Amino acid sequence: MNWSECLNEVGEMFKERAQSKGITLTVEDFDSDLIAYVDKLRIQEVIANLLSNAVNYTQNNGEIHVTVKVSEDKDWIETSVRDNGEGIP
């Protein structure tokens, strides 16, 4: 599966909800040819859960960033969702 396409598809599902709260949702640009051999449905489910929580718990006019780091040998991909919501006590 193309990692960039996967993240952008999930991001699009949450853009409207984020915009309705004035939240800026950005998916960082990265190597668009990055391929991962994983279960696309499950990965999208995990990313969707992270984005759903971020949108729910980020205050109005907040920010959500999805970033990707890839190891030099491209053996692993680290994807993170960062927001400025209240967090877990």
N, C-alpha and C. Protein backbone atom coordinates (compact mmCIF):
# COMPACT_ATOMS: atom_id res chain seq x y z
N MET A 1 0.85 -1.17 0.00
CA MET A 1 0.00 0.00 0.00
C MET A 1 0.89 1.23 0.00
N ASN A 2 0.45 2.26 -0.67
CA ASN A 2 1.17 3.52 -0.70
C ASN A 2 0.85 4.28 0.59
N TRP A 3 1.87 4.52 1.42
CA TRP A 3 1.67 5.13 2.74
C TRP A 3 1.08 6.54 2.64
N SER A 4 1.57 7.32 1.70
CA SER A 4 1.09 8.69 1.52
C SER A 4 -0.39 8.71 1.17
N GLU A 5 -0.78 7.88 0.22
CA GLU A 5 -2.19 7.82 -0.17
C GLU A 5 -3.07 7.40 1.00
N CYS A 6 -2.61 6.42 1.75
CA CYS A 6 -3.35 5.93 2.91
C CYS A 6 -3.60 7.05 3.92
N LEU A 7 -2.54 7.76 4.30
CA LEU A 7 -2.68 8.84 5.29
C LEU A 7 -3.55 9.97 4.77
N ASN A 8 -3.38 10.31 3.51
CA ASN A 8 -4.18 11.39 2.94
C ASN A 8 -5.67 11.01 2.86
N GLU A 9 -5.96 9.75 2.55
CA GLU A 9 -7.36 9.29 2.52
C GLU A 9 -8.00 9.45 3.89
N VAL A 10 -7.31 9.00 4.91
CA VAL A 10 -7.86 9.10 6.28
C VAL A 10 -7.95 10.56 6.70
N GLY A 11 -6.93 11.34 6.39
CA GLY A 11 -6.96 12.77 6.72
C GLY A 11 -8.15 13.48 6.12
N GLU A 12 -8.47 13.14 4.88
CA GLU A 12 -9.62 13.77 4.21
C GLU A 12 -10.93 13.46 4.93
N MET A 13 -11.02 12.28 5.55
CA MET A 13 -12.24 11.90 6.27
C MET A 13 -12.49 12.82 7.46
N PHE A 14 -11.45 13.45 7.98
CA PHE A 14 -11.58 14.26 9.19
C PHE A 14 -11.44 15.75 8.95
N LYS A 15 -11.10 16.15 7.74
CA LYS A 15 -10.87 17.58 7.46
C LYS A 15 -12.12 18.42 7.73
N GLU A 16 -13.27 17.95 7.28
CA GLU A 16 -14.50 18.73 7.45
C GLU A 16 -14.84 18.90 8.94
N ARG A 17 -14.74 17.82 9.71
CA ARG A 17 -15.01 17.90 11.14
C ARG A 17 -14.04 18.85 11.83
N ALA A 18 -12.77 18.77 11.44
CA ALA A 18 -11.76 19.65 12.02
C ALA A 18 -12.06 21.11 11.65
N GLN A 19 -12.36 21.36 10.40
CA GLN A 19 -12.63 22.72 9.94
C GLN A 19 -13.85 23.32 10.65
N SER A 20 -14.83 22.48 10.97
CA SER A 20 -16.03 22.99 11.65
C SER A 20 -15.69 23.52 13.05
N LYS A 21 -14.57 23.06 13.63
CA LYS A 21 -14.12 23.55 14.93
C LYS A 21 -12.99 24.57 14.77
N GLY A 22 -12.68 24.93 13.55
CA GLY A 22 -11.59 25.88 13.31
C GLY A 22 -10.23 25.25 13.50
N ILE A 23 -10.15 23.93 13.49
CA ILE A 23 -8.89 23.21 13.70
C ILE A 23 -8.18 23.04 12.36
N THR A 24 -6.89 23.31 12.36
CA THR A 24 -6.07 23.09 11.18
C THR A 24 -5.52 21.67 11.24
N LEU A 25 -5.85 20.85 10.25
CA LEU A 25 -5.37 19.47 10.17
C LEU A 25 -4.42 19.36 9.00
N THR A 26 -3.16 19.04 9.26
CA THR A 26 -2.18 18.92 8.18
C THR A 26 -1.52 17.54 8.22
N VAL A 27 -1.34 16.98 7.03
CA VAL A 27 -0.59 15.75 6.86
C VAL A 27 0.71 16.17 6.18
N GLU A 28 1.82 15.97 6.88
CA GLU A 28 3.13 16.39 6.39
C GLU A 28 3.45 15.70 5.05
N ASP A 29 4.06 16.45 4.16
CA ASP A 29 4.53 15.88 2.90
C ASP A 29 5.74 15.01 3.17
N PHE A 30 5.79 13.87 2.52
CA PHE A 30 6.94 12.98 2.62
C PHE A 30 7.00 12.15 1.35
N ASP A 31 7.95 11.24 1.27
CA ASP A 31 8.17 10.40 0.09
C ASP A 31 6.85 9.76 -0.36
N SER A 32 6.29 10.25 -1.45
CA SER A 32 4.99 9.77 -1.91
C SER A 32 5.07 8.38 -2.53
N ASP A 33 6.27 7.85 -2.75
CA ASP A 33 6.43 6.51 -3.31
C ASP A 33 6.68 5.46 -2.24
N LEU A 34 6.52 5.82 -0.99
CA LEU A 34 6.78 4.91 0.11
C LEU A 34 5.71 3.82 0.16
N ILE A 35 6.14 2.58 0.04
CA ILE A 35 5.22 1.44 0.03
C ILE A 35 5.41 0.64 1.31
N ALA A 36 4.29 0.24 1.93
CA ALA A 36 4.33 -0.60 3.13
C ALA A 36 3.48 -1.84 2.87
N TYR A 37 3.97 -2.97 3.28
CA TYR A 37 3.24 -4.22 3.12
C TYR A 37 2.52 -4.55 4.42
N VAL A 38 1.34 -3.94 4.56
CA VAL A 38 0.54 -4.06 5.79
C VAL A 38 -0.92 -4.19 5.41
N ASP A 39 -1.75 -4.45 6.39
CA ASP A 39 -3.20 -4.52 6.19
C ASP A 39 -3.73 -3.08 6.15
N LYS A 40 -4.06 -2.61 4.97
CA LYS A 40 -4.48 -1.21 4.79
C LYS A 40 -5.69 -0.87 5.66
N LEU A 41 -6.65 -1.75 5.73
CA LEU A 41 -7.86 -1.49 6.51
C LEU A 41 -7.52 -1.26 7.99
N ARG A 42 -6.65 -2.10 8.54
CA ARG A 42 -6.29 -1.97 9.96
C ARG A 42 -5.47 -0.71 10.22
N ILE A 43 -4.55 -0.41 9.33
CA ILE A 43 -3.74 0.81 9.49
C ILE A 43 -4.64 2.04 9.43
N GLN A 44 -5.56 2.07 8.48
CA GLN A 44 -6.46 3.20 8.37
C GLN A 44 -7.35 3.30 9.61
N GLU A 45 -7.72 2.17 10.17
CA GLU A 45 -8.53 2.17 11.38
C GLU A 45 -7.75 2.80 12.55
N VAL A 46 -6.49 2.44 12.69
CA VAL A 46 -5.66 3.00 13.77
C VAL A 46 -5.49 4.50 13.58
N ILE A 47 -5.13 4.93 12.37
CA ILE A 47 -4.94 6.36 12.10
C ILE A 47 -6.26 7.11 12.31
N ALA A 48 -7.37 6.52 11.87
CA ALA A 48 -8.68 7.16 12.06
C ALA A 48 -9.00 7.34 13.54
N ASN A 49 -8.68 6.34 14.36
CA ASN A 49 -8.92 6.46 15.81
C ASN A 49 -8.08 7.58 16.41
N LEU A 50 -6.82 7.67 16.00
CA LEU A 50 -5.96 8.74 16.51
C LEU A 50 -6.48 10.11 16.09
N LEU A 51 -6.89 10.24 14.82
CA LEU A 51 -7.40 11.53 14.34
C LEU A 51 -8.74 11.88 14.98
N SER A 52 -9.58 10.89 15.18
CA SER A 52 -10.87 11.14 15.82
C SER A 52 -10.66 11.69 17.23
N ASN A 53 -9.76 11.06 17.99
CA ASN A 53 -9.46 11.56 19.34
C ASN A 53 -8.87 12.96 19.28
N ALA A 54 -7.98 13.19 18.34
CA ALA A 54 -7.36 14.51 18.22
C ALA A 54 -8.41 15.57 17.94
N VAL A 55 -9.32 15.30 17.02
CA VAL A 55 -10.37 16.29 16.69
C VAL A 55 -11.30 16.48 17.89
N ASN A 56 -11.66 15.39 18.56
CA ASN A 56 -12.58 15.49 19.70
C ASN A 56 -12.00 16.28 20.86
N TYR A 57 -10.69 16.15 21.11
CA TYR A 57 -10.10 16.73 22.30
C TYR A 57 -9.25 17.97 22.06
N THR A 58 -9.18 18.40 20.82
CA THR A 58 -8.46 19.64 20.53
C THR A 58 -9.47 20.79 20.58
N GLN A 59 -9.11 21.83 21.28
CA GLN A 59 -10.02 22.97 21.41
C GLN A 59 -10.20 23.68 20.07
N ASN A 60 -11.25 24.49 19.99
CA ASN A 60 -11.50 25.26 18.78
C ASN A 60 -10.26 26.07 18.42
N ASN A 61 -10.02 26.20 17.12
CA ASN A 61 -8.88 26.94 16.57
C ASN A 61 -7.54 26.30 16.92
N GLY A 62 -7.53 24.99 17.20
CA GLY A 62 -6.30 24.28 17.50
C GLY A 62 -5.63 23.75 16.24
N GLU A 63 -4.64 22.91 16.45
CA GLU A 63 -3.87 22.36 15.34
C GLU A 63 -3.64 20.87 15.54
N ILE A 64 -3.70 20.12 14.44
CA ILE A 64 -3.37 18.70 14.44
C ILE A 64 -2.39 18.47 13.30
N HIS A 65 -1.28 17.79 13.61
CA HIS A 65 -0.26 17.50 12.60
C HIS A 65 -0.02 16.00 12.54
N VAL A 66 -0.03 15.46 11.33
CA VAL A 66 0.34 14.06 11.10
C VAL A 66 1.72 14.10 10.45
N THR A 67 2.69 13.45 11.11
CA THR A 67 4.05 13.45 10.60
C THR A 67 4.53 12.02 10.38
N VAL A 68 5.52 11.89 9.51
CA VAL A 68 6.07 10.58 9.16
C VAL A 68 7.58 10.65 9.20
N LYS A 69 8.19 9.65 9.84
CA LYS A 69 9.65 9.49 9.82
C LYS A 69 9.92 8.09 9.27
N VAL A 70 10.92 8.00 8.41
CA VAL A 70 11.28 6.72 7.81
C VAL A 70 12.75 6.45 8.12
N SER A 71 13.04 5.21 8.48
CA SER A 71 14.44 4.87 8.75
C SER A 71 15.24 4.99 7.47
N GLU A 72 16.53 5.19 7.62
CA GLU A 72 17.41 5.37 6.47
C GLU A 72 17.34 4.18 5.50
N ASP A 73 17.23 2.97 6.04
CA ASP A 73 17.15 1.79 5.18
C ASP A 73 15.71 1.45 4.79
N LYS A 74 14.78 2.30 5.21
CA LYS A 74 13.34 2.16 4.91
C LYS A 74 12.76 0.85 5.45
N ASP A 75 13.32 0.38 6.58
CA ASP A 75 12.79 -0.82 7.22
C ASP A 75 11.59 -0.53 8.11
N TRP A 76 11.45 0.71 8.54
CA TRP A 76 10.31 1.05 9.38
C TRP A 76 9.80 2.46 9.08
N ILE A 77 8.53 2.65 9.41
CA ILE A 77 7.87 3.94 9.23
C ILE A 77 7.26 4.32 10.57
N GLU A 78 7.56 5.51 11.04
CA GLU A 78 6.95 6.02 12.27
C GLU A 78 5.98 7.12 11.88
N THR A 79 4.73 6.93 12.23
CA THR A 79 3.70 7.92 11.93
C THR A 79 3.14 8.42 13.25
N SER A 80 3.06 9.72 13.41
CA SER A 80 2.54 10.26 14.66
C SER A 80 1.50 11.33 14.40
N VAL A 81 0.57 11.42 15.33
CA VAL A 81 -0.47 12.45 15.30
C VAL A 81 -0.23 13.32 16.53
N ARG A 82 0.03 14.60 16.28
CA ARG A 82 0.31 15.55 17.36
C ARG A 82 -0.77 16.63 17.34
N ASP A 83 -1.29 16.95 18.51
CA ASP A 83 -2.29 18.03 18.59
C ASP A 83 -2.00 18.87 19.82
N ASN A 84 -2.74 19.95 19.95
CA ASN A 84 -2.56 20.79 21.14
C ASN A 84 -3.80 20.72 22.02
N GLY A 85 -4.38 19.52 22.08
CA GLY A 85 -5.52 19.27 22.95
C GLY A 85 -5.08 19.15 24.40
N GLU A 86 -6.02 18.86 25.27
CA GLU A 86 -5.75 18.83 26.71
C GLU A 86 -4.86 17.67 27.15
N GLY A 87 -4.81 16.60 26.41
CA GLY A 87 -3.94 15.48 26.76
C GLY A 87 -4.54 14.61 27.85
N ILE A 88 -3.78 13.59 28.23
CA ILE A 88 -4.21 12.65 29.26
C ILE A 88 -3.54 13.04 30.57
N PRO A 89 -4.35 13.21 31.63
CA PRO A 89 -3.76 13.62 32.92
C PRO A 89 -2.79 12.58 33.45
